[in-house]
Amino acid sequence: ATSTNPITGIDLINRHKPDLVFLDIQMEEMSGIDILKIVGNHTR
């Protein structure tokens, strides 16, 4: 999947638990680092 919305992206990661995510850091709603803190060790 792809998403331009980081909040939607978090939901996608939690649902699908992909092996790998290509993640932008500087986004408006939250940073990629914030996303990584939330999803924890679900993915690389």
All heavy atoms as atom14 arrays in JSON, in Angstrom:
{
  "sequence": "ATSTNPITGIDLINRHKPDLVFLDIQMEEMSGIDILKIVGNHTR",
  "atom14_mask": [
    [1, 1, 1, 1, 1, 0, 0, 0, 0, 0, 0, 0, 0, 0],
    [1, 1, 1, 1, 1, 1, 1, 0, 0, 0, 0, 0, 0, 0],
    [1, 1, 1, 1, 1, 1, 0, 0, 0, 0, 0, 0, 0, 0],
    [1, 1, 1, 1, 1, 1, 1, 0, 0, 0, 0, 0, 0, 0],
    [1, 1, 1, 1, 1, 1, 1, 1, 0, 0, 0, 0, 0, 0],
    [1, 1, 1, 1, 1, 1, 1, 0, 0, 0, 0, 0, 0, 0],
    [1, 1, 1, 1, 1, 1, 1, 1, 0, 0, 0, 0, 0, 0],
    [1, 1, 1, 1, 1, 1, 1, 0, 0, 0, 0, 0, 0, 0],
    [1, 1, 1, 1, 0, 0, 0, 0, 0, 0, 0, 0, 0, 0],
    [1, 1, 1, 1, 1, 1, 1, 1, 0, 0, 0, 0, 0, 0],
    [1, 1, 1, 1, 1, 1, 1, 1, 0, 0, 0, 0, 0, 0],
    [1, 1, 1, 1, 1, 1, 1, 1, 0, 0, 0, 0, 0, 0],
    [1, 1, 1, 1, 1, 1, 1, 1, 0, 0, 0, 0, 0, 0],
    [1, 1, 1, 1, 1, 1, 1, 1, 0, 0, 0, 0, 0, 0],
    [1, 1, 1, 1, 1, 1, 1, 1, 1, 1, 1, 0, 0, 0],
    [1, 1, 1, 1, 1, 1, 1, 1, 1, 1, 0, 0, 0, 0],
    [1, 1, 1, 1, 1, 1, 1, 1, 1, 0, 0, 0, 0, 0],
    [1, 1, 1, 1, 1, 1, 1, 0, 0, 0, 0, 0, 0, 0],
    [1, 1, 1, 1, 1, 1, 1, 1, 0, 0, 0, 0, 0, 0],
    [1, 1, 1, 1, 1, 1, 1, 1, 0, 0, 0, 0, 0, 0],
    [1, 1, 1, 1, 1, 1, 1, 0, 0, 0, 0, 0, 0, 0],
    [1, 1, 1, 1, 1, 1, 1, 1, 1, 1, 1, 0, 0, 0],
    [1, 1, 1, 1, 1, 1, 1, 1, 0, 0, 0, 0, 0, 0],
    [1, 1, 1, 1, 1, 1, 1, 1, 0, 0, 0, 0, 0, 0],
    [1, 1, 1, 1, 1, 1, 1, 1, 0, 0, 0, 0, 0, 0],
    [1, 1, 1, 1, 1, 1, 1, 1, 1, 0, 0, 0, 0, 0],
    [1, 1, 1, 1, 1, 1, 1, 1, 0, 0, 0, 0, 0, 0],
    [1, 1, 1, 1, 1, 1, 1, 1, 1, 0, 0, 0, 0, 0],
    [1, 1, 1, 1, 1, 1, 1, 1, 1, 0, 0, 0, 0, 0],
    [1, 1, 1, 1, 1, 1, 1, 1, 0, 0, 0, 0, 0, 0],
    [1, 1, 1, 1, 1, 1, 0, 0, 0, 0, 0, 0, 0, 0],
    [1, 1, 1, 1, 0, 0, 0, 0, 0, 0, 0, 0, 0, 0],
    [1, 1, 1, 1, 1, 1, 1, 1, 0, 0, 0, 0, 0, 0],
    [1, 1, 1, 1, 1, 1, 1, 1, 0, 0, 0, 0, 0, 0],
    [1, 1, 1, 1, 1, 1, 1, 1, 0, 0, 0, 0, 0, 0],
    [1, 1, 1, 1, 1, 1, 1, 1, 0, 0, 0, 0, 0, 0],
    [1, 1, 1, 1, 1, 1, 1, 1, 1, 0, 0, 0, 0, 0],
    [1, 1, 1, 1, 1, 1, 1, 1, 0, 0, 0, 0, 0, 0],
    [1, 1, 1, 1, 1, 1, 1, 0, 0, 0, 0, 0, 0, 0],
    [1, 1, 1, 1, 0, 0, 0, 0, 0, 0, 0, 0, 0, 0],
    [1, 1, 1, 1, 1, 1, 1, 1, 0, 0, 0, 0, 0, 0],
    [1, 1, 1, 1, 1, 1, 1, 1, 1, 1, 0, 0, 0, 0],
    [1, 1, 1, 1, 1, 1, 1, 0, 0, 0, 0, 0, 0, 0],
    [1, 1, 1, 1, 1, 1, 1, 1, 1, 1, 1, 0, 0, 0]
  ],
  "atom14_positions": [
    [[0.85, -1.2, 0.0], [0.0, 0.0, 0.0], [0.88, 1.24, 0.0], [2.07, 1.18, 0.33], [-0.91, 0.02, 1.23], [0.0, 0.0, 0.0], [0.0, 0.0, 0.0], [0.0, 0.0, 0.0], [0.0, 0.0, 0.0], [0.0, 0.0, 0.0], [0.0, 0.0, 0.0], [0.0, 0.0, 0.0], [0.0, 0.0, 0.0], [0.0, 0.0, 0.0]],
    [[0.26, 2.38, -0.36], [0.91, 3.68, -0.23], [-0.06, 4.63, 0.45], [-1.27, 4.42, 0.43], [1.3, 4.27, -1.6], [0.12, 4.62, -2.33], [2.13, 3.28, -2.42], [0.0, 0.0, 0.0], [0.0, 0.0, 0.0], [0.0, 0.0, 0.0], [0.0, 0.0, 0.0], [0.0, 0.0, 0.0], [0.0, 0.0, 0.0], [0.0, 0.0, 0.0]],
    [[0.49, 5.67, 1.07], [-0.38, 6.68, 1.69], [0.34, 8.01, 1.76], [1.54, 8.07, 2.05], [-0.78, 6.24, 3.1], [-1.59, 7.24, 3.72], [0.0, 0.0, 0.0], [0.0, 0.0, 0.0], [0.0, 0.0, 0.0], [0.0, 0.0, 0.0], [0.0, 0.0, 0.0], [0.0, 0.0, 0.0], [0.0, 0.0, 0.0], [0.0, 0.0, 0.0]],
    [[-0.4, 9.08, 1.48], [0.13, 10.44, 1.66], [-0.24, 10.99, 3.03], [0.17, 12.1, 3.38], [-0.42, 11.39, 0.57], [-1.84, 11.36, 0.61], [0.08, 10.97, -0.81], [0.0, 0.0, 0.0], [0.0, 0.0, 0.0], [0.0, 0.0, 0.0], [0.0, 0.0, 0.0], [0.0, 0.0, 0.0], [0.0, 0.0, 0.0], [0.0, 0.0, 0.0]],
    [[-1.0, 10.22, 3.79], [-1.45, 10.65, 5.12], [-0.77, 9.8, 6.19], [-0.99, 8.59, 6.25], [-2.97, 10.5, 5.22], [-3.52, 11.06, 6.52], [-3.06, 10.72, 7.6], [-4.52, 11.92, 6.42], [0.0, 0.0, 0.0], [0.0, 0.0, 0.0], [0.0, 0.0, 0.0], [0.0, 0.0, 0.0], [0.0, 0.0, 0.0], [0.0, 0.0, 0.0]],
    [[0.06, 10.39, 7.04], [0.79, 9.59, 8.04], [-0.11, 8.87, 9.03], [0.22, 7.77, 9.49], [1.68, 10.62, 8.74], [1.1, 11.95, 8.42], [0.44, 11.81, 7.1], [0.0, 0.0, 0.0], [0.0, 0.0, 0.0], [0.0, 0.0, 0.0], [0.0, 0.0, 0.0], [0.0, 0.0, 0.0], [0.0, 0.0, 0.0], [0.0, 0.0, 0.0]],
    [[-1.26, 9.46, 9.35], [-2.18, 8.81, 10.31], [-2.78, 7.56, 9.67], [-2.86, 6.5, 10.29], [-3.28, 9.8, 10.75], [-2.64, 10.97, 11.5], [-4.3, 9.09, 11.64], [-3.6, 12.1, 11.83], [0.0, 0.0, 0.0], [0.0, 0.0, 0.0], [0.0, 0.0, 0.0], [0.0, 0.0, 0.0], [0.0, 0.0, 0.0], [0.0, 0.0, 0.0]],
    [[-3.18, 7.68, 8.41], [-3.65, 6.5, 7.68], [-2.53, 5.48, 7.57], [-2.76, 4.27, 7.67], [-4.13, 6.9, 6.27], [-5.17, 7.85, 6.38], [-4.62, 5.68, 5.5], [0.0, 0.0, 0.0], [0.0, 0.0, 0.0], [0.0, 0.0, 0.0], [0.0, 0.0, 0.0], [0.0, 0.0, 0.0], [0.0, 0.0, 0.0], [0.0, 0.0, 0.0]],
    [[-1.31, 5.98, 7.37], [-0.16, 5.09, 7.26], [0.05, 4.25, 8.51], [0.38, 3.05, 8.43], [0.0, 0.0, 0.0], [0.0, 0.0, 0.0], [0.0, 0.0, 0.0], [0.0, 0.0, 0.0], [0.0, 0.0, 0.0], [0.0, 0.0, 0.0], [0.0, 0.0, 0.0], [0.0, 0.0, 0.0], [0.0, 0.0, 0.0], [0.0, 0.0, 0.0]],
    [[-0.15, 4.84, 9.68], [-0.02, 4.1, 10.94], [-1.03, 2.96, 10.98], [-0.7, 1.82, 11.36], [-0.21, 5.04, 12.14], [0.97, 6.0, 12.24], [-0.34, 4.23, 13.45], [0.77, 7.1, 13.26], [0.0, 0.0, 0.0], [0.0, 0.0, 0.0], [0.0, 0.0, 0.0], [0.0, 0.0, 0.0], [0.0, 0.0, 0.0], [0.0, 0.0, 0.0]],
    [[-2.26, 3.26, 10.58], [-3.3, 2.23, 10.57], [-2.93, 1.1, 9.6], [-3.1, -0.09, 9.91], [-4.64, 2.85, 10.16], [-5.76, 1.81, 10.11], [-6.03, 1.17, 11.14], [-6.36, 1.64, 9.04], [0.0, 0.0, 0.0], [0.0, 0.0, 0.0], [0.0, 0.0, 0.0], [0.0, 0.0, 0.0], [0.0, 0.0, 0.0], [0.0, 0.0, 0.0]],
    [[-2.39, 1.45, 8.43], [-1.99, 0.44, 7.45], [-0.87, -0.44, 7.99], [-0.86, -1.66, 7.8], [-1.55, 1.12, 6.15], [-2.65, 1.76, 5.32], [-2.05, 2.62, 4.21], [-3.56, 0.7, 4.73], [0.0, 0.0, 0.0], [0.0, 0.0, 0.0], [0.0, 0.0, 0.0], [0.0, 0.0, 0.0], [0.0, 0.0, 0.0], [0.0, 0.0, 0.0]],
    [[0.1, 0.17, 8.66], [1.21, -0.6, 9.23], [0.69, -1.57, 10.29], [1.06, -2.75, 10.33], [2.28, 0.34, 9.83], [2.99, 1.11, 8.72], [3.3, -0.46, 10.65], [3.91, 2.2, 9.22], [0.0, 0.0, 0.0], [0.0, 0.0, 0.0], [0.0, 0.0, 0.0], [0.0, 0.0, 0.0], [0.0, 0.0, 0.0], [0.0, 0.0, 0.0]],
    [[-0.16, -1.07, 11.17], [-0.69, -1.92, 12.24], [-1.55, -3.07, 11.7], [-1.58, -4.15, 12.29], [-1.5, -1.08, 13.23], [-0.62, -0.2, 14.1], [0.53, -0.55, 14.36], [-1.13, 0.93, 14.53], [0.0, 0.0, 0.0], [0.0, 0.0, 0.0], [0.0, 0.0, 0.0], [0.0, 0.0, 0.0], [0.0, 0.0, 0.0], [0.0, 0.0, 0.0]],
    [[-2.25, -2.82, 10.59], [-3.13, -3.86, 10.03], [-2.35, -4.9, 9.23], [-2.58, -6.09, 9.36], [-4.2, -3.22, 9.14], [-5.42, -2.75, 9.91], [-6.58, -2.49, 8.98], [-6.4, -1.24, 8.24], [-6.59, -1.12, 6.94], [-6.92, -2.16, 6.21], [-6.43, 0.04, 6.35], [0.0, 0.0, 0.0], [0.0, 0.0, 0.0], [0.0, 0.0, 0.0]],
    [[-1.4, -4.44, 8.41], [-0.73, -5.34, 7.49], [0.64, -5.83, 7.98], [1.15, -6.84, 7.48], [-0.56, -4.66, 6.13], [-1.84, -4.33, 5.46], [-2.65, -5.29, 4.89], [-2.49, -3.14, 5.28], [-3.72, -4.71, 4.37], [-3.66, -3.41, 4.6], [0.0, 0.0, 0.0], [0.0, 0.0, 0.0], [0.0, 0.0, 0.0], [0.0, 0.0, 0.0]],
    [[1.25, -5.1, 8.94], [2.57, -5.46, 9.48], [3.56, -5.81, 8.37], [4.07, -6.94, 8.29], [2.44, -6.61, 10.48], [1.64, -6.22, 11.73], [1.56, -7.35, 12.72], [0.93, -6.88, 14.03], [-0.39, -6.25, 13.86], [0.0, 0.0, 0.0], [0.0, 0.0, 0.0], [0.0, 0.0, 0.0], [0.0, 0.0, 0.0], [0.0, 0.0, 0.0]],
    [[3.86, -4.87, 7.5], [4.78, -5.14, 6.39], [6.21, -5.37, 6.9], [6.58, -4.91, 7.98], [4.72, -3.85, 5.57], [4.36, -2.79, 6.57], [3.43, -3.46, 7.53], [0.0, 0.0, 0.0], [0.0, 0.0, 0.0], [0.0, 0.0, 0.0], [0.0, 0.0, 0.0], [0.0, 0.0, 0.0], [0.0, 0.0, 0.0], [0.0, 0.0, 0.0]],
    [[6.99, -6.1, 6.11], [8.4, -6.3, 6.47], [9.18, -5.0, 6.39], [10.15, -4.81, 7.12], [9.04, -7.32, 5.52], [8.56, -8.73, 5.78], [8.33, -9.06, 6.96], [8.41, -9.5, 4.82], [0.0, 0.0, 0.0], [0.0, 0.0, 0.0], [0.0, 0.0, 0.0], [0.0, 0.0, 0.0], [0.0, 0.0, 0.0], [0.0, 0.0, 0.0]],
    [[8.77, -4.12, 5.47], [9.58, -2.93, 5.2], [8.67, -1.75, 4.84], [7.71, -1.91, 4.08], [10.54, -3.22, 4.04], [11.5, -2.11, 3.61], [12.47, -1.76, 4.74], [12.28, -2.54, 2.37], [0.0, 0.0, 0.0], [0.0, 0.0, 0.0], [0.0, 0.0, 0.0], [0.0, 0.0, 0.0], [0.0, 0.0, 0.0], [0.0, 0.0, 0.0]],
    [[9.0, -0.57, 5.38], [8.28, 0.66, 5.05], [9.28, 1.72, 4.6], [10.28, 1.96, 5.27], [7.48, 1.2, 6.27], [6.85, 2.55, 5.93], [6.4, 0.21, 6.7], [0.0, 0.0, 0.0], [0.0, 0.0, 0.0], [0.0, 0.0, 0.0], [0.0, 0.0, 0.0], [0.0, 0.0, 0.0], [0.0, 0.0, 0.0], [0.0, 0.0, 0.0]],
    [[9.0, 2.34, 3.44], [9.74, 3.53, 3.01], [8.97, 4.72, 3.57], [7.8, 4.94, 3.22], [9.83, 3.59, 1.49], [10.65, 2.48, 0.91], [10.04, 1.31, 0.49], [12.02, 2.6, 0.79], [10.78, 0.27, -0.04], [12.77, 1.57, 0.27], [12.16, 0.41, -0.15], [0.0, 0.0, 0.0], [0.0, 0.0, 0.0], [0.0, 0.0, 0.0]],
    [[9.63, 5.5, 4.43], [8.91, 6.47, 5.25], [9.56, 7.85, 5.16], [10.76, 8.01, 5.45], [8.92, 5.98, 6.7], [8.19, 6.8, 7.77], [6.73, 6.97, 7.44], [8.35, 6.12, 9.13], [0.0, 0.0, 0.0], [0.0, 0.0, 0.0], [0.0, 0.0, 0.0], [0.0, 0.0, 0.0], [0.0, 0.0, 0.0], [0.0, 0.0, 0.0]],
    [[8.78, 8.83, 4.75], [9.24, 10.22, 4.74], [9.38, 10.7, 6.18], [8.64, 10.26, 7.07], [8.23, 11.08, 3.98], [8.73, 12.51, 3.78], [9.95, 12.74, 3.87], [7.89, 13.39, 3.52], [0.0, 0.0, 0.0], [0.0, 0.0, 0.0], [0.0, 0.0, 0.0], [0.0, 0.0, 0.0], [0.0, 0.0, 0.0], [0.0, 0.0, 0.0]],
    [[10.32, 11.59, 6.42], [10.49, 12.11, 7.79], [9.69, 13.38, 8.0], [8.92, 13.5, 8.95], [11.98, 12.36, 8.1], [12.72, 11.02, 8.26], [12.14, 13.19, 9.37], [14.14, 11.15, 8.72], [0.0, 0.0, 0.0], [0.0, 0.0, 0.0], [0.0, 0.0, 0.0], [0.0, 0.0, 0.0], [0.0, 0.0, 0.0], [0.0, 0.0, 0.0]],
    [[9.84, 14.33, 7.1], [9.23, 15.65, 7.31], [7.85, 15.69, 6.67], [7.7, 15.89, 5.47], [10.13, 16.73, 6.7], [9.78, 18.15, 7.11], [10.29, 18.51, 8.48], [10.58, 17.65, 9.29], [10.41, 19.79, 8.76], [0.0, 0.0, 0.0], [0.0, 0.0, 0.0], [0.0, 0.0, 0.0], [0.0, 0.0, 0.0], [0.0, 0.0, 0.0]],
    [[6.79, 15.48, 7.49], [5.4, 15.56, 7.02], [4.62, 16.5, 7.92], [5.03, 16.76, 9.05], [4.78, 14.16, 6.99], [5.42, 13.23, 5.98], [4.67, 11.58, 5.91], [5.4, 10.81, 7.36], [0.0, 0.0, 0.0], [0.0, 0.0, 0.0], [0.0, 0.0, 0.0], [0.0, 0.0, 0.0], [0.0, 0.0, 0.0], [0.0, 0.0, 0.0]],
    [[3.48, 16.99, 7.43], [2.77, 18.04, 8.16], [2.16, 17.54, 9.47], [2.35, 18.14, 10.52], [1.69, 18.64, 7.27], [2.24, 19.52, 6.16], [1.15, 20.27, 5.44], [0.01, 20.24, 5.92], [1.43, 20.89, 4.41], [0.0, 0.0, 0.0], [0.0, 0.0, 0.0], [0.0, 0.0, 0.0], [0.0, 0.0, 0.0], [0.0, 0.0, 0.0]],
    [[1.38, 16.45, 9.42], [0.67, 16.01, 10.63], [1.62, 15.48, 11.71], [1.45, 15.75, 12.89], [-0.36, 14.93, 10.28], [-1.58, 15.43, 9.55], [-1.36, 15.49, 8.06], [-0.22, 15.23, 7.62], [-2.32, 15.79, 7.34], [0.0, 0.0, 0.0], [0.0, 0.0, 0.0], [0.0, 0.0, 0.0], [0.0, 0.0, 0.0], [0.0, 0.0, 0.0]],
    [[2.6, 14.69, 11.29], [3.59, 14.15, 12.22], [4.8, 13.7, 11.43], [4.72, 13.43, 10.23], [3.03, 13.0, 13.06], [2.6, 11.78, 12.26], [2.03, 10.42, 13.33], [0.62, 11.19, 14.12], [0.0, 0.0, 0.0], [0.0, 0.0, 0.0], [0.0, 0.0, 0.0], [0.0, 0.0, 0.0], [0.0, 0.0, 0.0], [0.0, 0.0, 0.0]],
    [[5.93, 13.59, 12.1], [7.16, 13.19, 11.42], [7.23, 11.68, 11.28], [6.53, 10.93, 11.99], [8.39, 13.68, 12.2], [8.56, 12.92, 13.38], [0.0, 0.0, 0.0], [0.0, 0.0, 0.0], [0.0, 0.0, 0.0], [0.0, 0.0, 0.0], [0.0, 0.0, 0.0], [0.0, 0.0, 0.0], [0.0, 0.0, 0.0], [0.0, 0.0, 0.0]],
    [[8.08, 11.23, 10.38], [8.3, 9.8, 10.23], [8.85, 9.18, 11.49], [8.54, 8.03, 11.82], [0.0, 0.0, 0.0], [0.0, 0.0, 0.0], [0.0, 0.0, 0.0], [0.0, 0.0, 0.0], [0.0, 0.0, 0.0], [0.0, 0.0, 0.0], [0.0, 0.0, 0.0], [0.0, 0.0, 0.0], [0.0, 0.0, 0.0], [0.0, 0.0, 0.0]],
    [[9.65, 9.92, 12.24], [10.18, 9.41, 13.51], [9.06, 9.23, 14.52], [9.03, 8.24, 15.27], [11.28, 10.36, 14.04], [12.53, 10.26, 13.15], [11.65, 10.0, 15.5], [13.63, 11.21, 13.5], [0.0, 0.0, 0.0], [0.0, 0.0, 0.0], [0.0, 0.0, 0.0], [0.0, 0.0, 0.0], [0.0, 0.0, 0.0], [0.0, 0.0, 0.0]],
    [[8.09, 10.15, 14.52], [6.92, 9.98, 15.39], [6.16, 8.7, 15.04], [5.71, 7.97, 15.93], [5.97, 11.18, 15.26], [6.54, 12.45, 15.87], [7.35, 12.33, 16.81], [6.19, 13.55, 15.4], [0.0, 0.0, 0.0], [0.0, 0.0, 0.0], [0.0, 0.0, 0.0], [0.0, 0.0, 0.0], [0.0, 0.0, 0.0], [0.0, 0.0, 0.0]],
    [[6.03, 8.44, 13.74], [5.34, 7.22, 13.31], [6.09, 5.99, 13.8], [5.48, 5.04, 14.32], [5.21, 7.19, 11.77], [4.24, 8.29, 11.31], [4.74, 5.82, 11.29], [4.13, 8.41, 9.8], [0.0, 0.0, 0.0], [0.0, 0.0, 0.0], [0.0, 0.0, 0.0], [0.0, 0.0, 0.0], [0.0, 0.0, 0.0], [0.0, 0.0, 0.0]],
    [[7.4, 6.0, 13.65], [8.2, 4.85, 14.08], [8.07, 4.61, 15.58], [8.02, 3.46, 16.04], [9.67, 5.06, 13.69], [10.61, 3.88, 13.91], [10.08, 2.63, 13.24], [12.0, 4.21, 13.39], [0.0, 0.0, 0.0], [0.0, 0.0, 0.0], [0.0, 0.0, 0.0], [0.0, 0.0, 0.0], [0.0, 0.0, 0.0], [0.0, 0.0, 0.0]],
    [[7.99, 5.69, 16.37], [7.79, 5.55, 17.81], [6.46, 4.86, 18.12], [6.37, 4.05, 19.04], [7.82, 6.92, 18.49], [9.18, 7.59, 18.55], [9.04, 8.97, 19.21], [10.34, 9.73, 19.21], [10.18, 11.08, 19.8], [0.0, 0.0, 0.0], [0.0, 0.0, 0.0], [0.0, 0.0, 0.0], [0.0, 0.0, 0.0], [0.0, 0.0, 0.0]],
    [[5.45, 5.18, 17.31], [4.11, 4.64, 17.57], [4.0, 3.17, 17.16], [3.48, 2.34, 17.9], [3.04, 5.47, 16.82], [2.96, 6.88, 17.44], [1.68, 4.79, 16.88], [2.15, 7.85, 16.61], [0.0, 0.0, 0.0], [0.0, 0.0, 0.0], [0.0, 0.0, 0.0], [0.0, 0.0, 0.0], [0.0, 0.0, 0.0], [0.0, 0.0, 0.0]],
    [[4.53, 2.82, 16.0], [4.36, 1.44, 15.5], [5.36, 0.47, 16.11], [5.19, -0.74, 16.03], [4.45, 1.38, 13.96], [3.38, 2.24, 13.33], [5.84, 1.78, 13.46], [0.0, 0.0, 0.0], [0.0, 0.0, 0.0], [0.0, 0.0, 0.0], [0.0, 0.0, 0.0], [0.0, 0.0, 0.0], [0.0, 0.0, 0.0], [0.0, 0.0, 0.0]],
    [[6.4, 1.0, 16.75], [7.36, 0.14, 17.45], [8.09, -0.79, 16.51], [8.53, -0.39, 15.43], [0.0, 0.0, 0.0], [0.0, 0.0, 0.0], [0.0, 0.0, 0.0], [0.0, 0.0, 0.0], [0.0, 0.0, 0.0], [0.0, 0.0, 0.0], [0.0, 0.0, 0.0], [0.0, 0.0, 0.0], [0.0, 0.0, 0.0], [0.0, 0.0, 0.0]],
    [[8.21, -2.06, 16.91], [9.03, -3.0, 16.16], [8.24, -3.86, 15.17], [8.64, -4.95, 14.82], [9.81, -3.91, 17.12], [8.89, -4.7, 18.04], [7.68, -4.7, 17.87], [9.48, -5.38, 19.02], [0.0, 0.0, 0.0], [0.0, 0.0, 0.0], [0.0, 0.0, 0.0], [0.0, 0.0, 0.0], [0.0, 0.0, 0.0], [0.0, 0.0, 0.0]],
    [[7.1, -3.36, 14.72], [6.29, -4.12, 13.76], [6.99, -4.27, 12.42], [6.68, -5.19, 11.66], [4.94, -3.42, 13.51], [3.99, -3.57, 14.66], [2.73, -2.99, 14.67], [4.11, -4.23, 15.83], [2.13, -3.28, 15.81], [2.94, -4.02, 16.52], [0.0, 0.0, 0.0], [0.0, 0.0, 0.0], [0.0, 0.0, 0.0], [0.0, 0.0, 0.0]],
    [[7.89, -3.36, 12.09], [8.41, -3.31, 10.73], [9.8, -2.71, 10.71], [10.23, -2.03, 11.65], [7.48, -2.48, 9.84], [7.94, -2.53, 8.5], [7.42, -1.03, 10.29], [0.0, 0.0, 0.0], [0.0, 0.0, 0.0], [0.0, 0.0, 0.0], [0.0, 0.0, 0.0], [0.0, 0.0, 0.0], [0.0, 0.0, 0.0], [0.0, 0.0, 0.0]],
    [[10.52, -2.96, 9.62], [11.78, -2.26, 9.34], [11.47, -1.0, 8.54], [10.52, -0.97, 7.76], [12.72, -3.16, 8.54], [13.1, -4.44, 9.24], [13.96, -4.16, 10.43], [14.19, -5.35, 11.22], [14.69, -5.36, 12.44], [14.97, -4.21, 13.04], [14.89, -6.48, 13.08], [0.0, 0.0, 0.0], [0.0, 0.0, 0.0], [0.0, 0.0, 0.0]]
  ]
}
